[in-house]
Protein backbone atom coordinates (compact mmCIF):
# COMPACT_ATOMS: atom_id res chain seq x y z
CA UNK A 1 -18.82 -5.57 24.49
CA UNK A 2 -16.19 -7.99 23.13
CA UNK A 3 -17.34 -7.26 19.78
CA UNK A 4 -17.16 -3.16 20.04
CA UNK A 5 -13.67 -3.40 21.79
CA UNK A 6 -12.21 -4.85 19.00
CA UNK A 7 -13.79 -2.70 16.48
CA UNK A 8 -12.20 -0.12 18.37
CA UNK A 9 -9.02 -1.71 18.30
CA UNK A 10 -8.93 -2.18 14.43
CA UNK A 11 -10.11 1.51 13.74
CA UNK A 12 -7.13 2.20 15.95
CA UNK A 13 -4.80 0.48 14.07
CA UNK A 14 -6.33 2.13 11.31
CA UNK A 15 -5.89 5.44 12.31
CA UNK A 16 -2.18 4.66 12.72
CA UNK A 17 -1.95 2.86 9.39
CA UNK A 18 -2.96 6.18 7.45
CA UNK A 19 -0.44 8.44 9.09
CA UNK A 20 2.73 5.01 8.61
CA UNK A 21 1.85 3.94 5.18
CA UNK A 22 2.39 6.30 3.39
CA UNK A 23 6.37 6.89 4.82
CA UNK A 24 6.34 2.60 4.66
CA UNK A 25 5.21 2.67 0.98
CA UNK A 26 7.58 5.37 -0.24
CA UNK A 27 10.59 4.30 1.43
CA UNK A 28 9.84 0.43 0.26
CA UNK A 29 9.31 1.87 -2.99
CA UNK A 30 12.85 3.95 -2.98
CA UNK A 31 14.74 0.57 -5.37
CA UNK A 32 12.37 1.00 -7.72
CA UNK A 33 12.29 4.54 -8.02
CA UNK A 34 16.09 4.71 -7.91
CA UNK A 35 16.08 2.11 -10.96
CA UNK A 36 13.50 4.10 -12.98
CA UNK A 37 15.06 7.49 -12.43
CA UNK A 38 18.88 7.45 -12.34
CA UNK A 39 20.25 11.02 -11.72
CA UNK A 40 21.26 11.44 -15.38
CA UNK A 41 18.43 12.64 -16.93
CA UNK A 42 20.07 10.72 -20.29
CA UNK A 43 19.54 7.61 -18.73
CA UNK A 44 15.92 7.28 -18.35
CA UNK A 45 14.22 5.18 -21.06
CA UNK A 46 10.43 3.60 -20.86
CA UNK A 47 12.87 -0.11 -19.89
CA UNK A 48 13.85 1.04 -16.95
CA UNK A 49 10.61 3.41 -16.18
CA UNK A 50 8.62 0.22 -16.39
CA UNK A 51 11.64 -2.17 -14.93
CA UNK A 52 11.56 0.18 -11.63
CA UNK A 53 7.79 0.40 -11.39
CA UNK A 54 7.49 -3.07 -11.40
CA UNK A 55 10.12 -3.49 -8.39
CA UNK A 56 8.28 -0.90 -6.40
CA UNK A 57 4.79 -2.75 -7.30
CA UNK A 58 6.35 -5.87 -6.09
CA UNK A 59 7.90 -3.93 -3.01
CA UNK A 60 4.96 -2.69 -1.66
CA UNK A 61 2.78 -5.13 -2.22
CA UNK A 62 4.67 -7.24 0.12
CA UNK A 63 5.09 -5.06 2.59
CA UNK A 64 1.18 -3.85 2.38
CA UNK A 65 0.17 -7.75 2.10
CA UNK A 66 1.99 -8.35 5.21
CA UNK A 67 -0.40 -5.59 6.87
CA UNK A 68 -3.49 -7.11 5.11
CA UNK A 69 -2.13 -10.81 6.90
CA UNK A 70 -2.05 -8.99 10.42
CA UNK A 71 -5.38 -7.73 9.69
CA UNK A 72 -6.90 -10.57 8.54
CA UNK A 73 -5.18 -13.05 10.98
CA UNK A 74 -6.17 -11.09 14.03
CA UNK A 75 -9.33 -10.90 12.80
CA UNK A 76 -9.72 -14.62 12.34
CA UNK A 77 -8.83 -15.42 16.07
CA UNK A 78 -10.75 -12.36 17.59
CA UNK A 79 -13.58 -14.35 16.00
CA UNK A 80 -12.43 -17.73 17.06
CA UNK A 81 -11.00 -17.65 20.16
CA UNK A 82 -12.36 -14.75 21.53
CA UNK A 83 -16.79 -15.23 20.74
CA UNK A 84 -16.75 -12.12 18.58
CA UNK A 85 -19.04 -11.27 16.03
CA UNK A 86 -18.60 -11.61 12.59
CA UNK A 87 -19.61 -8.03 12.46
CA UNK A 88 -16.11 -7.12 12.35
CA UNK A 89 -15.48 -8.04 9.26
CA UNK A 90 -16.26 -5.28 6.93
CA UNK A 91 -14.45 -3.26 9.74
CA UNK A 92 -11.20 -5.12 9.03
CA UNK A 93 -11.78 -4.86 5.44
CA UNK A 94 -11.71 -0.83 5.74
CA UNK A 95 -9.31 -0.89 7.95
CA UNK A 96 -6.95 -2.56 5.33
CA UNK A 97 -8.41 -0.90 2.31
CA UNK A 98 -8.69 2.47 3.04
CA UNK A 99 -5.05 3.64 4.06
CA UNK A 100 -4.00 2.84 0.75
CA UNK A 101 -7.07 4.07 -0.90
CA UNK A 102 -6.31 7.56 0.99
CA UNK A 103 -2.27 7.42 -0.17
CA UNK A 104 -3.33 6.36 -3.57
CA UNK A 105 -5.58 9.52 -3.82
CA UNK A 106 -2.89 11.98 -2.29
CA UNK A 107 -0.46 10.72 -4.97
CA UNK A 108 -2.63 11.23 -7.71
CA UNK A 109 -3.51 14.95 -6.27
CA UNK A 110 0.13 15.52 -5.89
CA UNK A 111 1.27 14.46 -9.45
CA UNK A 112 -1.62 16.56 -10.58
CA UNK A 113 -0.76 19.55 -8.69
CA UNK A 114 3.27 19.06 -9.64
CA UNK A 115 2.32 18.54 -13.59
CA UNK A 116 -0.37 21.54 -13.50
CA UNK A 117 2.17 24.30 -11.60
CA UNK A 118 4.68 23.26 -14.16
CA UNK A 119 2.91 23.59 -17.87
CA UNK A 120 3.78 27.34 -17.80
CA UNK A 121 7.26 27.31 -17.03
CA UNK A 122 10.14 27.55 -19.03
CA UNK A 123 13.05 25.37 -19.27
CA UNK A 124 13.30 25.05 -15.08
CA UNK A 125 11.21 22.19 -15.83
CA UNK A 126 13.18 19.26 -16.22
CA UNK A 127 13.75 18.55 -12.33
CA UNK A 128 9.81 19.08 -12.00
CA UNK A 129 8.67 17.05 -14.72
CA UNK A 130 10.87 14.31 -13.03
CA UNK A 131 9.15 14.93 -10.09
CA UNK A 132 5.25 14.50 -11.66
CA UNK A 133 7.09 11.24 -13.18
CA UNK A 134 7.82 9.99 -10.09
CA UNK A 135 4.38 10.55 -8.61
CA UNK A 136 2.84 9.37 -11.38
CA UNK A 137 4.87 5.65 -11.48
CA UNK A 138 4.60 5.58 -7.37
CA UNK A 139 0.83 6.24 -8.24
CA UNK A 140 0.67 3.93 -10.72
CA UNK A 141 2.08 1.10 -8.80
CA UNK A 142 -0.09 2.07 -5.72
CA UNK A 143 -3.20 1.16 -8.03
CA UNK A 144 -2.06 -1.82 -8.53
CA UNK A 145 -0.59 -2.75 -5.40
CA UNK A 146 -4.11 -1.15 -3.88
CA UNK A 147 -5.76 -3.99 -6.33
CA UNK A 148 -3.72 -6.49 -5.04
CA UNK A 149 -4.76 -5.62 -1.73
CA UNK A 150 -8.51 -6.19 -2.65
CA UNK A 151 -7.81 -9.78 -3.90
CA UNK A 152 -5.15 -10.64 -1.29
CA UNK A 153 -8.08 -9.56 1.53
CA UNK A 154 -10.54 -12.15 0.67
CA UNK A 155 -7.74 -14.85 -0.23
CA UNK A 156 -6.41 -14.67 3.11
CA UNK A 157 -10.09 -15.05 4.60
CA UNK A 158 -11.21 -17.62 2.95
CA UNK A 159 -8.14 -19.38 2.49
CA UNK A 160 -5.69 -18.56 5.35
CA UNK A 161 -2.76 -21.48 4.60
CA UNK A 162 -1.78 -18.96 2.19
CA UNK A 163 -0.73 -16.17 4.64
CA UNK A 164 1.28 -19.08 6.32
CA UNK A 165 3.14 -19.90 3.15
CA UNK A 166 4.78 -16.17 2.36
CA UNK A 167 3.96 -14.16 5.37
CA UNK A 168 4.99 -16.85 8.09
CA UNK A 169 6.90 -14.42 10.07
CA UNK A 170 3.53 -11.99 10.78
CA UNK A 171 2.60 -11.91 14.78
CA UNK A 172 -0.32 -14.11 15.11
CA UNK A 173 0.04 -16.48 11.94
CA UNK A 174 -0.59 -20.18 12.66
CA UNK A 175 -1.81 -19.15 16.73
């Protein structure tokens, strides 16, 4: 019964995360987007876009790995202190991976739609091209963040001391 209750709690957390994560990751990637895409089109360069993408990757990864830390540590505590079955680990993995995967797919789809609708238009496209580039940058940073999340999940699960080094402020760490 404890395992079933823990699975339900994780699923609820995953559903909530599916709706909150896109907003949070978009907000934390804004510094990178502002660096990559300043208001003046003439100031854009490949170096700025690369640096902005790197800033977005770092900020998104830090925040999303904090969420991963919370889920992994909560799962460990549920297994060790509550006697929950090990069957909860695959559910925890899905709760971590699916929200960012859904957001990545939504971002790629939006970028393709914007690119497709802007192909046949004329000079009014400068804003639309910039919007396509921003969504493309967001998709690239989300792809790398999702790969880091996959790696981070297993590192945190098998080497829990790593979580305490960076994310000691996350609830349940060290409990």
